[in-house]
C-alpha atoms as a PDB file:
ATOM      1  CA  MET A   1      -7.753  18.836  34.777  1.00  0.00           C
ATOM      2  CA  ARG A   2      -6.274  20.754  31.872  1.00  0.00           C
ATOM      3  CA  SER A   3      -2.943  19.609  30.432  1.00  0.00           C
ATOM      4  CA  THR A   4      -2.343  23.076  29.049  1.00  0.00           C
ATOM      5  CA  PRO A   5      -1.365  25.733  31.637  1.00  0.00           C
ATOM      6  CA  LEU A   6      -3.672  28.695  32.069  1.00  0.00           C
ATOM      7  CA  PRO A   7      -2.713  32.015  30.374  1.00  0.00           C
ATOM      8  CA  SER A   8      -0.217  33.970  32.406  1.00  0.00           C
ATOM      9  CA  ARG A   9       0.914  37.605  32.227  1.00  0.00           C
ATOM     10  CA  HIS A  10       4.116  39.237  31.170  1.00  0.00           C
ATOM     11  CA  TRP A  11       6.058  41.539  33.481  1.00  0.00           C
ATOM     12  CA  ASP A  12       4.232  44.525  32.033  1.00  0.00           C
ATOM     13  CA  GLY A  13       0.784  42.999  32.784  1.00  0.00           C
ATOM     14  CA  SER A  14      -0.077  41.909  29.237  1.00  0.00           C
ATOM     15  CA  LEU A  15      -1.563  38.477  28.750  1.00  0.00           C
ATOM     16  CA  PHE A  16       0.693  35.721  27.590  1.00  0.00           C
ATOM     17  CA  HIS A  17      -1.235  32.975  25.737  1.00  0.00           C
ATOM     18  CA  VAL A  18       0.030  29.421  25.513  1.00  0.00           C
ATOM     19  CA  ARG A  19      -0.978  27.385  22.499  1.00  0.00           C
ATOM     20  CA  ARG A  20      -2.874  24.276  23.337  1.00  0.00           C
ATOM     21  CA  ARG A  21      -1.090  21.145  22.151  1.00  0.00           C
ATOM     22  CA  ARG A  22      -2.799  19.057  19.532  1.00  0.00           C
ATOM     23  CA  SER A  23      -2.349  15.377  18.698  1.00  0.00           C
ATOM     24  CA  LEU A  24      -0.773  14.358  15.426  1.00  0.00           C
ATOM     25  CA  ARG A  25      -3.452  14.011  12.746  1.00  0.00           C
ATOM     26  CA  LEU A  26      -3.943  14.353   8.980  1.00  0.00           C
ATOM     27  CA  SER A  27      -5.647  17.415   7.569  1.00  0.00           C
ATOM     28  CA  SER A  28      -8.847  16.795   5.623  1.00  0.00           C
ATOM     29  CA  ASP A  29      -7.410  18.484   2.509  1.00  0.00           C
ATOM     30  CA  SER A  30      -4.005  16.789   2.719  1.00  0.00           C
ATOM     31  CA  ALA A  31      -2.784  15.158  -0.509  1.00  0.00           C
ATOM     32  CA  SER A  32      -1.194  12.286   1.384  1.00  0.00           C
ATOM     33  CA  ARG A  33      -3.056   9.703   3.456  1.00  0.00           C
ATOM     34  CA  LEU A  34       0.136   8.294   5.088  1.00  0.00           C
ATOM     35  CA  LEU A  35       1.312   8.724   8.624  1.00  0.00           C
ATOM     36  CA  ARG A  36       4.941   7.764   9.031  1.00  0.00           C
ATOM     37  CA  CYS A  37       4.252   6.058  12.341  1.00  0.00           C
ATOM     38  CA  GLY A  38       1.075   4.298  13.390  1.00  0.00           C
ATOM     39  CA  GLN A  39       0.054   3.568   9.797  1.00  0.00           C
ATOM     40  CA  GLY A  40      -3.418   2.100   9.839  1.00  0.00           C
ATOM     41  CA  ASP A  41      -4.043  -1.033   7.783  1.00  0.00           C
ATOM     42  CA  ARG A  42      -6.004  -4.265   7.695  1.00  0.00           C
ATOM     43  CA  CYS A  43      -4.555  -7.739   8.259  1.00  0.00           C
ATOM     44  CA  ARG A  44      -4.395  -9.545   4.909  1.00  0.00           C
ATOM     45  CA  ASP A  45      -5.217 -12.840   6.659  1.00  0.00           C
ATOM     46  CA  CYS A  46      -8.217 -11.899   8.850  1.00  0.00           C
ATOM     47  CA  GLY A  47      -9.275  -8.441   7.649  1.00  0.00           C
ATOM     48  CA  ASN A  48      -9.167  -6.812  11.125  1.00  0.00           C
ATOM     49  CA  ARG A  49      -7.655  -3.405  11.703  1.00  0.00           C
ATOM     50  CA  ILE A  50      -3.983  -3.136  12.648  1.00  0.00           C
ATOM     51  CA  GLU A  51      -1.334  -0.485  13.066  1.00  0.00           C
ATOM     52  CA  TRP A  52       2.175  -0.670  11.614  1.00  0.00           C
ATOM     53  CA  TYR A  53       5.104   0.581  13.750  1.00  0.00           C
ATOM     54  CA  HIS A  54       8.891   0.140  13.564  1.00  0.00           C
ATOM     55  CA  SER A  55      10.537  -1.682  16.410  1.00  0.00           C
ATOM     56  CA  THR A  56      13.929  -0.862  17.957  1.00  0.00           C
ATOM     57  CA  ASN A  57      15.684  -3.043  15.351  1.00  0.00           C
ATOM     58  CA  GLU A  58      13.958  -1.136  12.528  1.00  0.00           C
ATOM     59  CA  ARG A  59      11.597  -3.989  11.645  1.00  0.00           C
ATOM     60  CA  PRO A  60       7.927  -3.384  10.986  1.00  0.00           C
ATOM     61  CA  VAL A  61       5.606  -4.644  13.672  1.00  0.00           C
ATOM     62  CA  ARG A  62       1.819  -5.158  13.482  1.00  0.00           C
ATOM     63  CA  LEU A  63       0.098  -4.031  16.669  1.00  0.00           C
ATOM     64  CA  HIS A  64      -3.493  -4.236  17.797  1.00  0.00           C
ATOM     65  CA  PRO A  65      -4.978  -0.735  17.257  1.00  0.00           C
ATOM     66  CA  HIS A  66      -6.311  -0.358  20.858  1.00  0.00           C
ATOM     67  CA  GLU A  67      -4.632  -0.303  24.236  1.00  0.00           C
ATOM     68  CA  LEU A  68      -5.471  -3.070  26.706  1.00  0.00           C
ATOM     69  CA  PRO A  69      -5.298  -3.212  30.513  1.00  0.00           C
ATOM     70  CA  ALA A  70      -1.884  -4.425  31.507  1.00  0.00           C
ATOM     71  CA  GLU A  71      -3.249  -6.797  34.163  1.00  0.00           C
ATOM     72  CA  LYS A  72      -5.261  -8.715  31.558  1.00  0.00           C
ATOM     73  CA  VAL A  73      -2.266  -9.293  29.263  1.00  0.00           C
ATOM     74  CA  PRO A  74       0.665 -11.582  30.153  1.00  0.00           C
ATOM     75  CA  PRO A  75       3.899  -9.607  30.827  1.00  0.00           C
ATOM     76  CA  SER A  76       5.636 -11.438  27.973  1.00  0.00           C
ATOM     77  CA  CYS A  77       3.129  -9.868  25.508  1.00  0.00           C
ATOM     78  CA  HIS A  78       3.449  -6.287  26.710  1.00  0.00           C
ATOM     79  CA  TRP A  79       4.414  -3.670  24.104  1.00  0.00           C
ATOM     80  CA  HIS A  80       4.417   0.090  24.283  1.00  0.00           C
ATOM     81  CA  VAL A  81       4.986   2.940  21.807  1.00  0.00           C
ATOM     82  CA  SER A  82       7.272   5.802  22.607  1.00  0.00           C
ATOM     83  CA  GLY A  83       8.259   8.463  20.075  1.00  0.00           C
ATOM     84  CA  GLY A  84       6.750   6.443  17.213  1.00  0.00           C
ATOM     85  CA  VAL A  85       8.861   3.383  17.961  1.00  0.00           C
ATOM     86  CA  ALA A  86       7.403   0.103  19.310  1.00  0.00           C
ATOM     87  CA  HIS A  87       9.245  -1.463  22.263  1.00  0.00           C
ATOM     88  CA  PRO A  88       8.710  -5.094  23.308  1.00  0.00           C
ATOM     89  CA  ALA A  89       8.138  -4.318  27.028  1.00  0.00           C
ATOM     90  CA  GLY A  90       5.823  -2.496  29.339  1.00  0.00           C
ATOM     91  CA  ASP A  91       6.270   1.151  30.165  1.00  0.00           C
ATOM     92  CA  GLY A  92       5.141   0.763  33.810  1.00  0.00           C
ATOM     93  CA  SER A  93       1.637   2.207  33.184  1.00  0.00           C
ATOM     94  CA  GLY A  94      -1.635   0.338  33.512  1.00  0.00           C
ATOM     95  CA  TRP A  95      -2.052   0.012  29.750  1.00  0.00           C
ATOM     96  CA  CYS A  96      -0.112  -1.820  27.042  1.00  0.00           C
ATOM     97  CA  ARG A  97      -0.131  -2.667  23.337  1.00  0.00           C
ATOM     98  CA  LEU A  98      -0.357  -6.148  21.902  1.00  0.00           C
ATOM     99  CA  PRO A  99       1.024  -7.693  18.689  1.00  0.00           C
ATOM    100  CA  HIS A 100      -1.750  -8.622  16.272  1.00  0.00           C
ATOM    101  CA  ALA A 101      -0.206 -12.051  15.641  1.00  0.00           C
ATOM    102  CA  MET A 102      -1.020 -13.046  19.228  1.00  0.00           C
ATOM    103  CA  VAL A 103      -4.788 -12.758  18.625  1.00  0.00           C
ATOM    104  CA  CYS A 104      -5.076 -13.135  14.834  1.00  0.00           C
ATOM    105  CA  PRO A 105      -8.093 -15.396  14.155  1.00  0.00           C
ATOM    106  CA  ALA A 106      -6.519 -16.668  10.927  1.00  0.00           C
ATOM    107  CA  ARG A 107      -4.123 -18.783  13.018  1.00  0.00           C
ATOM    108  CA  ASP A 108      -5.288 -22.342  13.556  1.00  0.00           C
ATOM    109  CA  THR A 109      -4.321 -22.453  17.205  1.00  0.00           C
ATOM    110  CA  ASN A 110      -5.808 -20.451  20.050  1.00  0.00           C
ATOM    111  CA  PRO A 111      -3.711 -17.842  21.850  1.00  0.00           C
ATOM    112  CA  ALA A 112      -1.099 -19.231  24.163  1.00  0.00           C
ATOM    113  CA  ALA A 113      -2.326 -16.919  26.953  1.00  0.00           C
ATOM    114  CA  PRO A 114      -5.851 -17.731  28.172  1.00  0.00           C
ATOM    115  CA  GLU A 115      -6.368 -14.061  28.993  1.00  0.00           C
ATOM    116  CA  LEU A 116      -6.449 -13.272  25.259  1.00  0.00           C
ATOM    117  CA  THR A 117      -9.097 -15.847  24.402  1.00  0.00           C
ATOM    118  CA  GLY A 118     -11.950 -13.361  24.605  1.00  0.00           C
ATOM    119  CA  LEU A 119     -10.255 -10.853  22.251  1.00  0.00           C
ATOM    120  CA  HIS A 120      -9.371 -13.669  19.859  1.00  0.00           C
ATOM    121  CA  ARG A 121     -12.995 -14.730  19.759  1.00  0.00           C
ATOM    122  CA  ALA A 122     -14.238 -11.187  19.165  1.00  0.00           C
ATOM    123  CA  LEU A 123     -11.852 -10.718  16.237  1.00  0.00           C
ATOM    124  CA  ALA A 124     -12.928 -14.043  14.805  1.00  0.00           C
ATOM    125  CA  VAL A 125     -16.579 -12.895  14.844  1.00  0.00           C
ATOM    126  CA  ASN A 126     -15.638  -9.667  13.182  1.00  0.00           C
ATOM    127  CA  THR A 127     -13.759 -11.579  10.450  1.00  0.00           C
ATOM    128  CA  ARG A 128     -16.835 -13.717   9.783  1.00  0.00           C
ATOM    129  CA  ARG A 129     -18.988 -10.564   9.585  1.00  0.00           C
ATOM    130  CA  LEU A 130     -16.600  -9.017   7.068  1.00  0.00           C
ATOM    131  CA  ILE A 131     -16.623 -12.180   4.925  1.00  0.00           C
ATOM    132  CA  ASP A 132     -20.410 -12.422   4.989  1.00  0.00           C
ATOM    133  CA  SER A 133     -20.820  -8.792   3.935  1.00  0.00           C
ATOM    134  CA  GLY A 134     -18.265  -9.134   1.158  1.00  0.00           C
ATOM    135  CA  ALA A 135     -15.943  -6.476   2.636  1.00  0.00           C
ATOM    136  CA  PHE A 136     -13.122  -9.011   3.029  1.00  0.00           C
ATOM    137  CA  VAL A 137     -12.041 -11.976   0.946  1.00  0.00           C
ATOM    138  CA  PRO A 138      -9.563 -14.362   2.707  1.00  0.00           C
ATOM    139  CA  PRO A 139      -6.479 -15.287   0.751  1.00  0.00           C
ATOM    140  CA  PRO A 140      -6.408 -18.727  -0.829  1.00  0.00           C
ATOM    141  CA  ALA A 141      -4.776 -21.472   1.164  1.00  0.00           C
ATOM    142  CA  LEU A 142      -1.250 -22.284   0.049  1.00  0.00           C
ATOM    143  CA  PRO A 143      -0.384 -26.009  -0.453  1.00  0.00           C
ATOM    144  CA  ASP A 144       1.912 -27.046   2.388  1.00  0.00           C
ATOM    145  CA  THR A 145       3.640 -30.081   0.944  1.00  0.00           C
ATOM    146  CA  GLU A 146       7.264 -30.903   0.347  1.00  0.00           C
ATOM    147  CA  ALA A 147       6.626 -31.593  -3.384  1.00  0.00           C
ATOM    148  CA  SER A 148       5.192 -28.163  -4.003  1.00  0.00           C
ATOM    149  CA  ALA A 149       7.959 -26.483  -1.983  1.00  0.00           C
ATOM    150  CA  SER A 150      10.631 -28.179  -4.069  1.00  0.00           C
ATOM    151  CA  THR A 151       9.028 -27.500  -7.465  1.00  0.00           C
ATOM    152  CA  THR A 152       7.690 -23.978  -6.970  1.00  0.00           C
ATOM    153  CA  CYS A 153       9.230 -21.309  -9.226  1.00  0.00           C
ATOM    154  CA  ARG A 154       7.597 -18.231  -7.739  1.00  0.00           C
ATOM    155  CA  PRO A 155       8.598 -17.717  -4.109  1.00  0.00           C
ATOM    156  CA  ALA A 156       5.753 -16.059  -2.148  1.00  0.00           C
ATOM    157  CA  ARG A 157       8.234 -13.900  -0.298  1.00  0.00           C
ATOM    158  CA  PRO A 158      11.420 -13.629  -2.382  1.00  0.00           C
ATOM    159  CA  VAL A 159      14.705 -12.235  -1.189  1.00  0.00           C
ATOM    160  CA  VAL A 160      15.692  -9.149  -3.245  1.00  0.00           C
ATOM    161  CA  GLN A 161      19.102  -7.608  -3.265  1.00  0.00           C
ATOM    162  CA  LEU A 162      19.354  -3.887  -4.168  1.00  0.00           C
ATOM    163  CA  LEU A 163      21.826  -1.180  -3.213  1.00  0.00           C
ATOM    164  CA  TYR A 164      24.051  -3.996  -1.864  1.00  0.00           C
ATOM    165  CA  LEU A 165      21.498  -4.842   0.799  1.00  0.00           C
ATOM    166  CA  ARG A 166      19.023  -7.739   1.001  1.00  0.00           C
ATOM    167  CA  TYR A 167      15.352  -7.306   1.716  1.00  0.00           C
ATOM    168  CA  LEU A 168      12.468  -9.714   2.132  1.00  0.00           C
ATOM    169  CA  ALA A 169       9.544  -8.795  -0.042  1.00  0.00           C
ATOM    170  CA  ASN A 170       5.862  -9.418   0.952  1.00  0.00           C
ATOM    171  CA  HIS A 171       4.790 -10.504  -2.525  1.00  0.00           C
ATOM    172  CA  PRO A 172       6.245 -12.272  -5.592  1.00  0.00           C
ATOM    173  CA  VAL A 173       8.542 -10.154  -7.692  1.00  0.00           C
ATOM    174  CA  ASP A 174       5.966  -9.586 -10.455  1.00  0.00           C
ATOM    175  CA  GLU A 175       3.252  -8.676  -7.914  1.00  0.00           C
ATOM    176  CA  ILE A 176       5.045  -5.953  -5.945  1.00  0.00           C
ATOM    177  CA  GLN A 177       2.690  -2.962  -6.146  1.00  0.00           C
ATOM    178  CA  CYS A 178       3.438   0.731  -6.280  1.00  0.00           C
ATOM    179  CA  VAL A 179       2.723   2.644  -3.076  1.00  0.00           C
ATOM    180  CA  ALA A 180       2.081   6.053  -4.649  1.00  0.00           C
ATOM    181  CA  GLN A 181      -1.331   7.805  -4.510  1.00  0.00           C
ATOM    182  CA  THR A 182      -3.343   8.407  -7.638  1.00  0.00           C
ATOM    183  CA  ARG A 183      -5.448  11.446  -8.405  1.00  0.00           C
ATOM    184  CA  GLN A 184      -8.501   9.620  -7.154  1.00  0.00           C
ATOM    185  CA  ARG A 185      -6.702   9.243  -3.802  1.00  0.00           C
ATOM    186  CA  HIS A 186      -6.329   5.527  -4.171  1.00  0.00           C
ATOM    187  CA  ARG A 187      -3.238   3.331  -4.225  1.00  0.00           C
ATOM    188  CA  CYS A 188      -1.601   2.859  -7.635  1.00  0.00           C
ATOM    189  CA  THR A 189      -2.255  -0.629  -9.023  1.00  0.00           C
ATOM    190  CA  SER A 190       0.784  -0.674 -11.325  1.00  0.00           C
ATOM    191  CA  PRO A 191       3.558  -3.195 -10.523  1.00  0.00           C
ATOM    192  CA  LEU A 192       7.224  -2.249 -10.189  1.00  0.00           C
ATOM    193  CA  LEU A 193       8.258  -4.752 -12.822  1.00  0.00           C
ATOM    194  CA  THR A 194       6.871  -3.728 -16.203  1.00  0.00           C
ATOM    195  CA  PRO A 195       7.636  -4.913 -19.763  1.00  0.00           C
ATOM    196  CA  ASP A 196       9.350  -1.544 -20.437  1.00  0.00           C
ATOM    197  CA  THR A 197      11.800  -1.732 -17.508  1.00  0.00           C
ATOM    198  CA  GLN A 198      14.909  -3.817 -17.028  1.00  0.00           C
ATOM    199  CA  ALA A 199      14.384  -6.892 -14.855  1.00  0.00           C
ATOM    200  CA  GLY A 200      16.699  -8.344 -12.270  1.00  0.00           C
ATOM    201  CA  VAL A 201      18.504 -11.654 -12.307  1.00  0.00           C
ATOM    202  CA  TRP A 202      17.884 -14.748 -10.166  1.00  0.00           C
ATOM    203  CA  THR A 203      21.117 -16.060  -8.781  1.00  0.00           C
ATOM    204  CA  LEU A 204      22.454 -18.298  -6.066  1.00  0.00           C
ATOM    205  CA  LEU A 205      24.395 -16.457  -3.330  1.00  0.00           C
ATOM    206  CA  PRO A 206      25.716 -17.507   0.062  1.00  0.00           C
ATOM    207  CA  SER A 207      23.398 -16.716   2.927  1.00  0.00           C
ATOM    208  CA  THR A 208      25.574 -14.226   4.764  1.00  0.00           C
ATOM    209  CA  THR A 209      24.740 -13.120   8.236  1.00  0.00           C
ATOM    210  CA  THR A 210      24.401  -9.776   9.867  1.00  0.00           C
ATOM    211  CA  HIS A 211      24.950  -8.148  13.293  1.00  0.00           C
ATOM    212  CA  GLY A 212      27.825 -10.478  14.209  1.00  0.00           C
ATOM    213  CA  GLN A 213      25.836 -13.735  13.879  1.00  0.00           C
ATOM    214  CA  LEU A 214      27.416 -17.048  13.151  1.00  0.00           C
ATOM    215  CA  PRO A 215      27.400 -18.025   9.462  1.00  0.00           C
ATOM    216  CA  LEU A 216      25.265 -20.820   8.120  1.00  0.00           C
ATOM    217  CA  PRO A 217      27.685 -23.538   6.876  1.00  0.00           C
ATOM    218  CA  GLY A 218      27.449 -24.366   3.194  1.00  0.00           C
ATOM    219  CA  GLU A 219      24.077 -22.618   2.699  1.00  0.00           C
ATOM    220  CA  SER A 220      23.241 -21.034  -0.655  1.00  0.00           C
ATOM    221  CA  MET A 221      20.005 -19.226  -1.336  1.00  0.00           C
ATOM    222  CA  ALA A 222      18.114 -17.928  -4.336  1.00  0.00           C
ATOM    223  CA  VAL A 223      18.274 -14.116  -4.535  1.00  0.00           C
ATOM    224  CA  TYR A 224      16.604 -11.794  -7.052  1.00  0.00           C
ATOM    225  CA  SER A 225      19.565  -9.439  -7.646  1.00  0.00           C
ATOM    226  CA  LEU A 226      18.990  -5.862  -8.884  1.00  0.00           C
ATOM    227  CA  THR A 227      22.563  -4.757  -8.513  1.00  0.00           C
ATOM    228  CA  GLY A 228      23.087  -4.814 -12.247  1.00  0.00           C
ATOM    229  CA  LEU A 229      20.500  -2.040 -12.695  1.00  0.00           C
ATOM    230  CA  SER A 230      21.317   1.640 -12.663  1.00  0.00           C
ATOM    231  CA  TYR A 231      21.442   3.555  -9.381  1.00  0.00           C
ATOM    232  CA  ALA A 232      18.284   5.487 -10.215  1.00  0.00           C
ATOM    233  CA  GLU A 233      16.427   2.274 -10.994  1.00  0.00           C
ATOM    234  CA  GLN A 234      17.471   0.704  -7.726  1.00  0.00           C
ATOM    235  CA  LEU A 235      16.253   3.794  -5.916  1.00  0.00           C
ATOM    236  CA  ARG A 236      12.897   3.368  -7.639  1.00  0.00           C
ATOM    237  CA  TRP A 237      12.620  -0.206  -6.380  1.00  0.00           C
ATOM    238  CA  ARG A 238      13.665   0.835  -2.931  1.00  0.00           C
ATOM    239  CA  ALA A 239      10.976   3.558  -2.859  1.00  0.00           C
ATOM    240  CA  GLN A 240       8.524   0.991  -4.337  1.00  0.00           C
ATOM    241  CA  ARG A 241       7.239   3.193  -7.097  1.00  0.00           C
ATOM    242  CA  CYS A 242       6.225   2.393 -10.622  1.00  0.00           C
ATOM    243  CA  PRO A 243       8.062   4.123 -13.538  1.00  0.00           C
ATOM    244  CA  GLU A 244       5.225   6.662 -13.948  1.00  0.00           C
ATOM    245  CA  HIS A 245       5.169   7.817 -10.285  1.00  0.00           C
ATOM    246  CA  ALA A 246       8.966   7.625 -10.026  1.00  0.00           C
ATOM    247  CA  ALA A 247       9.058  10.546 -12.531  1.00  0.00           C
ATOM    248  CA  ILE A 248       6.706  12.532 -10.258  1.00  0.00           C
ATOM    249  CA  PRO A 249       8.655  13.193  -7.021  1.00  0.00           C
ATOM    250  CA  THR A 250       5.791  15.300  -5.569  1.00  0.00           C
ATOM    251  CA  ALA A 251       3.338  12.347  -5.670  1.00  0.00           C
ATOM    252  CA  ALA A 252       2.427  11.325  -2.104  1.00  0.00           C
ATOM    253  CA  ASP A 253       2.645   7.828  -0.711  1.00  0.00           C
ATOM    254  CA  VAL A 254      -0.502   6.085   0.398  1.00  0.00           C
ATOM    255  CA  ALA A 255       1.187   3.060   2.009  1.00  0.00           C
ATOM    256  CA  LEU A 256       4.513   2.152   3.524  1.00  0.00           C
ATOM    257  CA  ALA A 257       7.169   0.426   1.458  1.00  0.00           C
ATOM    258  CA  GLU A 258       6.853  -3.261   2.202  1.00  0.00           C
ATOM    259  CA  TRP A 259      10.579  -4.106   2.335  1.00  0.00           C
ATOM    260  CA  GLU A 260      11.807  -5.922   5.401  1.00  0.00           C
ATOM    261  CA  SER A 261      15.485  -6.241   6.213  1.00  0.00           C
ATOM    262  CA  PHE A 262      16.426  -9.842   5.544  1.00  0.00           C
ATOM    263  CA  ASP A 263      17.947 -11.844   8.409  1.00  0.00           C
ATOM    264  CA  PRO A 264      18.947 -15.426   7.498  1.00  0.00           C
ATOM    265  CA  LEU A 265      18.287 -16.648  11.054  1.00  0.00           C
ATOM    266  CA  LEU A 266      14.907 -14.987  11.532  1.00  0.00           C
ATOM    267  CA  HIS A 267      13.715 -15.637   7.965  1.00  0.00           C
ATOM    268  CA  HIS A 268      15.190 -19.065   7.436  1.00  0.00           C
ATOM    269  CA  GLU A 269      11.816 -20.453   6.328  1.00  0.00           C
ATOM    270  CA  HIS A 270      11.951 -18.136   3.299  1.00  0.00           C
ATOM    271  CA  ILE A 271      15.363 -19.366   2.073  1.00  0.00           C
ATOM    272  CA  ARG A 272      15.138 -21.297  -1.182  1.00  0.00           C
ATOM    273  CA  THR A 273      18.106 -23.396  -2.243  1.00  0.00           C
ATOM    274  CA  ARG A 274      16.822 -23.926  -5.795  1.00  0.00           C
ATOM    275  CA  LEU A 275      16.978 -21.282  -8.474  1.00  0.00           C
ATOM    276  CA  PRO A 276      13.753 -20.183 -10.179  1.00  0.00           C
ATOM    277  CA  THR A 277      14.265 -20.346 -13.916  1.00  0.00           C
ATOM    278  CA  LEU A 278      12.222 -19.941 -17.074  1.00  0.00           C
ATOM    279  CA  VAL A 279      12.927 -22.612 -19.614  1.00  0.00           C
ATOM    280  CA  ARG A 280      11.888 -21.887 -23.224  1.00  0.00           C
ATOM    281  CA  ARG A 281       9.931 -24.680 -24.961  1.00  0.00           C
ATOM    282  CA  ARG A 282      10.840 -25.757 -28.469  1.00  0.00           C
ATOM    283  CA  GLY A 283       8.109 -24.734 -30.905  1.00  0.00           C
ATOM    284  CA  ALA A 284       7.332 -25.738 -34.416  1.00  0.00           C
ATOM    285  CA  ALA A 285       9.745 -23.140 -35.744  1.00  0.00           C
ATOM    286  CA  GLY A 286      12.511 -24.011 -33.260  1.00  0.00           C
ATOM    287  CA  TYR A 287      14.171 -21.280 -31.214  1.00  0.00           C
ATOM    288  CA  GLY A 288      13.988 -18.602 -33.941  1.00  0.00           C
ATOM    289  CA  SER A 289      13.449 -14.958 -32.998  1.00  0.00           C
ATOM    290  CA  ASN A 290      10.092 -15.022 -34.864  1.00  0.00           C
ATOM    291  CA  ALA A 291       8.837 -18.199 -33.152  1.00  0.00           C
ATOM    292  CA  PRO A 292       6.174 -17.906 -30.427  1.00  0.00           C
ATOM    293  CA  ARG A 293       7.618 -17.873 -26.893  1.00  0.00           C
ATOM    294  CA  LEU A 294       5.823 -20.501 -24.875  1.00  0.00           C
ATOM    295  CA  THR A 295       7.365 -20.650 -21.455  1.00  0.00           C
ATOM    296  CA  ALA A 296       7.218 -23.355 -18.861  1.00  0.00           C
ATOM    297  CA  HIS A 297       8.404 -22.954 -15.337  1.00  0.00           C
ATOM    298  CA  ARG A 298      11.037 -25.292 -13.917  1.00  0.00           C
ATOM    299  CA  THR A 299      13.339 -25.077 -10.942  1.00  0.00           C
ATOM    300  CA  VAL A 300      17.072 -25.596 -11.327  1.00  0.00           C
ATOM    301  CA  GLY A 301      19.309 -26.632  -8.496  1.00  0.00           C
ATOM    302  CA  ALA A 302      22.893 -25.574  -7.870  1.00  0.00           C
ATOM    303  CA  ASP A 303      24.212 -28.856  -9.271  1.00  0.00           C
ATOM    304  CA  GLU A 304      22.390 -28.293 -12.612  1.00  0.00           C
ATOM    305  CA  LEU A 305      23.840 -24.876 -13.309  1.00  0.00           C
ATOM    306  CA  GLU A 306      26.986 -26.345 -14.881  1.00  0.00           C
ATOM    307  CA  ASP A 307      24.924 -28.382 -17.337  1.00  0.00           C
ATOM    308  CA  LEU A 308      22.976 -25.358 -18.624  1.00  0.00           C
ATOM    309  CA  PRO A 309      24.240 -23.906 -21.971  1.00  0.00           C
ATOM    310  CA  GLN A 310      26.147 -20.720 -21.685  1.00  0.00           C
ATOM    311  CA  PRO A 311      24.804 -17.556 -23.414  1.00  0.00           C
ATOM    312  CA  SER A 312      27.378 -17.946 -26.223  1.00  0.00           C
ATOM    313  CA  GLN A 313      26.368 -21.624 -26.750  1.00  0.00           C
ATOM    314  CA  ARG A 314      22.618 -21.192 -26.906  1.00  0.00           C
ATOM    315  CA  PRO A 315      21.101 -21.395 -30.372  1.00  0.00           C
ATOM    316  CA  VAL A 316      19.715 -18.229 -31.902  1.00  0.00           C
END
């Protein structure tokens, strides 16, 4: 059966040709490698292929790249894509999509649904094959202790405020990478925060809510604020481009910007009540401008902010 109708004739008998519809794809000579929907990527935890979509609430969702028979997937795990948007429900057909988190082999526990055990095992075998061949290096395990959580000064996923909105970053502030494409058709390796650019300020702000949610009583959180920067500089951070590629508006993007709209109720595990601070050590020459700057990381709580010297009281 052909999806395209057969050529018909006009009223005068001349042939009327109908163009055959083609699926969305990238041209081989295209300067950009980015599709705005269905962006292909690999899971940073297991190395298997995934596809990024935006859900109905404009949040990025990682889906398994292949469709699965709907009868082999629990109804609570059914997803479908319509118009480039991922919906957490079935579309009534015999096929459905599945979130990658349900079958990611990097998770310690098996899938909650026994129907997904086979797919989980197949992805685990593929992860082991990628590790043995050197194509994938698993990320180092993070220490999960209360002591490290209370003394850490570099949040793995900081909350960044820019353009009067709050976003959850996927990397520490100094490791956020540019998404522009280089001349070699690779992703730019330059960070957004460079020594030549103005940095933001860590501050404690109340964890406000969105979408009519109830506020969290007495909750303050550490936020990396960029509101003091110029409007053009905040746009550069929002587009996730380094200063060099920000000056080249025609440069294509090779990856999606990794900003996620911050929700204090959904992302409560990323809320830090202590303020990351850099404390300058006293050297042999004191705090002089010509003395070497040896920095040590320390976390400062909200109760210690009043004891810190003000900018006008600090020795120069």
